[in-house]
Amino acid sequence: MLLHISSRDEWAESRRRGTIAPRSLTEVGFVHCSDVGSVHLPANSFYRGRTDLVLLVVDPARTGSPVRWEPGRPEHPSGVWFPHVYGPIAVDAVVAVHDFPPSDDGVFRLPRALAEV
């Protein structure tokens, strides 16, 4: 499964539209995703202080767009690869949605429900 970080408002808009097509799709050509072992990296780098986030669990076989695993950004540890979806993601590919608040110390961690799978 792939994980995509979204605000609650963006997720509501995606459901209305039928596809997940964040700004990154037009800016860099793909939708940023993570896996369970790496989702904390972009969350802590780019979403610090946000309390309006959800974590979308996406079935890669149902995205409707190609998925490529590629090296992360320089600020992430060496050797970490991330799944990038090269096109909009069909909303039907989302198999679960989890609230994604930071912990009391402000750090994002994988939600317990996903850590126990």
Protein backbone atom coordinates (compact mmCIF):
# COMPACT_ATOMS: atom_id res chain seq x y z
CA MET A 1 0.00 0.00 0.00
CA LEU A 2 1.01 3.59 -0.66
CA LEU A 3 0.40 6.45 1.75
CA HIS A 4 -0.47 9.99 0.71
CA ILE A 5 -0.63 12.93 3.13
CA SER A 6 -3.55 15.26 2.52
CA SER A 7 -5.40 17.97 4.40
CA ARG A 8 -9.01 17.15 5.28
CA ASP A 9 -10.15 19.92 2.91
CA GLU A 10 -8.02 18.58 0.03
CA TRP A 11 -9.40 15.09 0.64
CA ALA A 12 -12.98 16.42 0.56
CA GLU A 13 -12.22 18.19 -2.73
CA SER A 14 -10.63 15.02 -4.16
CA ARG A 15 -13.73 12.99 -3.27
CA ARG A 16 -15.92 15.60 -4.98
CA ARG A 17 -13.70 15.59 -8.08
CA GLY A 18 -13.16 11.80 -8.14
CA THR A 19 -9.36 12.03 -8.30
CA ILE A 20 -6.46 13.02 -6.10
CA ALA A 21 -4.56 15.65 -8.08
CA PRO A 22 -2.57 17.88 -5.70
CA ARG A 23 -0.55 20.88 -6.80
CA SER A 24 2.57 18.69 -7.06
CA LEU A 25 1.05 16.93 -10.06
CA THR A 26 1.24 20.11 -12.16
CA GLU A 27 4.42 21.40 -10.49
CA VAL A 28 6.63 18.28 -10.70
CA GLY A 29 4.51 15.83 -12.69
CA PHE A 30 3.63 13.35 -9.97
CA VAL A 31 1.77 12.81 -6.71
CA HIS A 32 4.10 12.35 -3.73
CA CYS A 33 3.49 9.18 -1.73
CA SER A 34 5.32 7.21 0.94
CA ASP A 35 5.27 3.80 2.55
CA VAL A 36 4.80 2.91 6.21
CA GLY A 37 8.53 3.15 6.89
CA SER A 38 9.04 6.57 5.35
CA VAL A 39 5.85 8.63 5.76
CA HIS A 40 7.21 10.34 8.87
CA LEU A 41 10.05 11.90 6.83
CA PRO A 42 7.99 14.19 4.56
CA ALA A 43 5.44 14.72 7.34
CA ASN A 44 8.08 16.11 9.68
CA SER A 45 9.91 18.01 6.93
CA PHE A 46 6.95 19.69 5.26
CA TYR A 47 3.91 19.56 7.56
CA ARG A 48 5.28 20.52 10.98
CA GLY A 49 2.60 22.20 13.07
CA ARG A 50 -0.31 21.03 10.89
CA THR A 51 -3.26 19.50 12.69
CA ASP A 52 -5.62 19.17 9.71
CA LEU A 53 -4.03 16.15 8.03
CA VAL A 54 -5.25 12.73 7.03
CA LEU A 55 -3.24 9.82 5.75
CA LEU A 56 -4.75 8.16 2.69
CA VAL A 57 -3.98 4.46 2.21
CA VAL A 58 -3.83 3.85 -1.53
CA ASP A 59 -3.86 0.53 -3.37
CA PRO A 60 -1.16 0.98 -6.06
CA ALA A 61 -2.92 -1.45 -8.40
CA ARG A 62 -5.98 0.80 -8.48
CA THR A 63 -4.41 4.26 -8.93
CA GLY A 64 -5.12 4.44 -12.67
CA SER A 65 -1.65 6.00 -13.14
CA PRO A 66 1.92 4.65 -13.26
CA VAL A 67 3.78 4.29 -9.95
CA ARG A 68 7.57 4.67 -9.89
CA TRP A 69 9.85 4.25 -6.87
CA GLU A 70 12.48 6.99 -6.93
CA PRO A 71 15.17 8.39 -4.61
CA GLY A 72 14.02 10.87 -2.00
CA ARG A 73 15.01 14.48 -1.68
CA PRO A 74 18.44 15.47 -0.37
CA GLU A 75 17.03 16.35 3.07
CA HIS A 76 15.92 12.72 3.56
CA PRO A 77 18.35 9.97 4.60
CA SER A 78 20.40 8.46 1.81
CA GLY A 79 18.92 5.33 0.31
CA VAL A 80 15.26 6.15 1.02
CA TRP A 81 13.09 5.72 -2.05
CA PHE A 82 9.53 7.03 -2.37
CA PRO A 83 6.64 6.00 -4.61
CA HIS A 84 5.62 8.70 -7.06
CA VAL A 85 2.33 8.40 -8.93
CA TYR A 86 2.63 9.90 -12.42
CA GLY A 87 -0.92 11.07 -12.89
CA PRO A 88 -4.03 11.65 -10.82
CA ILE A 89 -4.99 8.92 -8.35
CA ALA A 90 -8.50 7.53 -8.62
CA VAL A 91 -10.39 8.15 -5.37
CA ASP A 92 -11.55 4.52 -5.58
CA ALA A 93 -7.91 3.49 -5.00
CA VAL A 94 -8.13 4.85 -1.43
CA VAL A 95 -8.85 1.85 0.80
CA ALA A 96 -8.59 3.62 4.18
CA VAL A 97 -8.29 7.10 5.67
CA HIS A 98 -6.58 7.79 9.01
CA ASP A 99 -6.39 11.01 10.98
CA PHE A 100 -2.74 12.09 10.99
CA PRO A 101 -2.13 14.52 13.86
CA PRO A 102 1.34 15.14 15.27
CA SER A 103 2.16 13.57 18.64
CA ASP A 104 2.17 15.71 21.78
CA ASP A 105 5.84 16.54 21.10
CA GLY A 106 4.92 17.87 17.64
CA VAL A 107 6.49 14.96 15.76
CA PHE A 108 4.56 12.91 13.20
CA ARG A 109 4.61 9.15 13.67
CA LEU A 110 2.88 6.35 11.82
CA PRO A 111 -0.68 5.96 13.17
CA ARG A 112 -0.98 3.00 15.51
CA ALA A 113 -3.62 1.37 13.28
CA LEU A 114 -1.08 1.19 10.43
CA ALA A 115 1.85 0.22 12.64
CA GLU A 116 -0.04 -2.85 13.86
CA VAL A 117 -0.88 -4.18 10.40
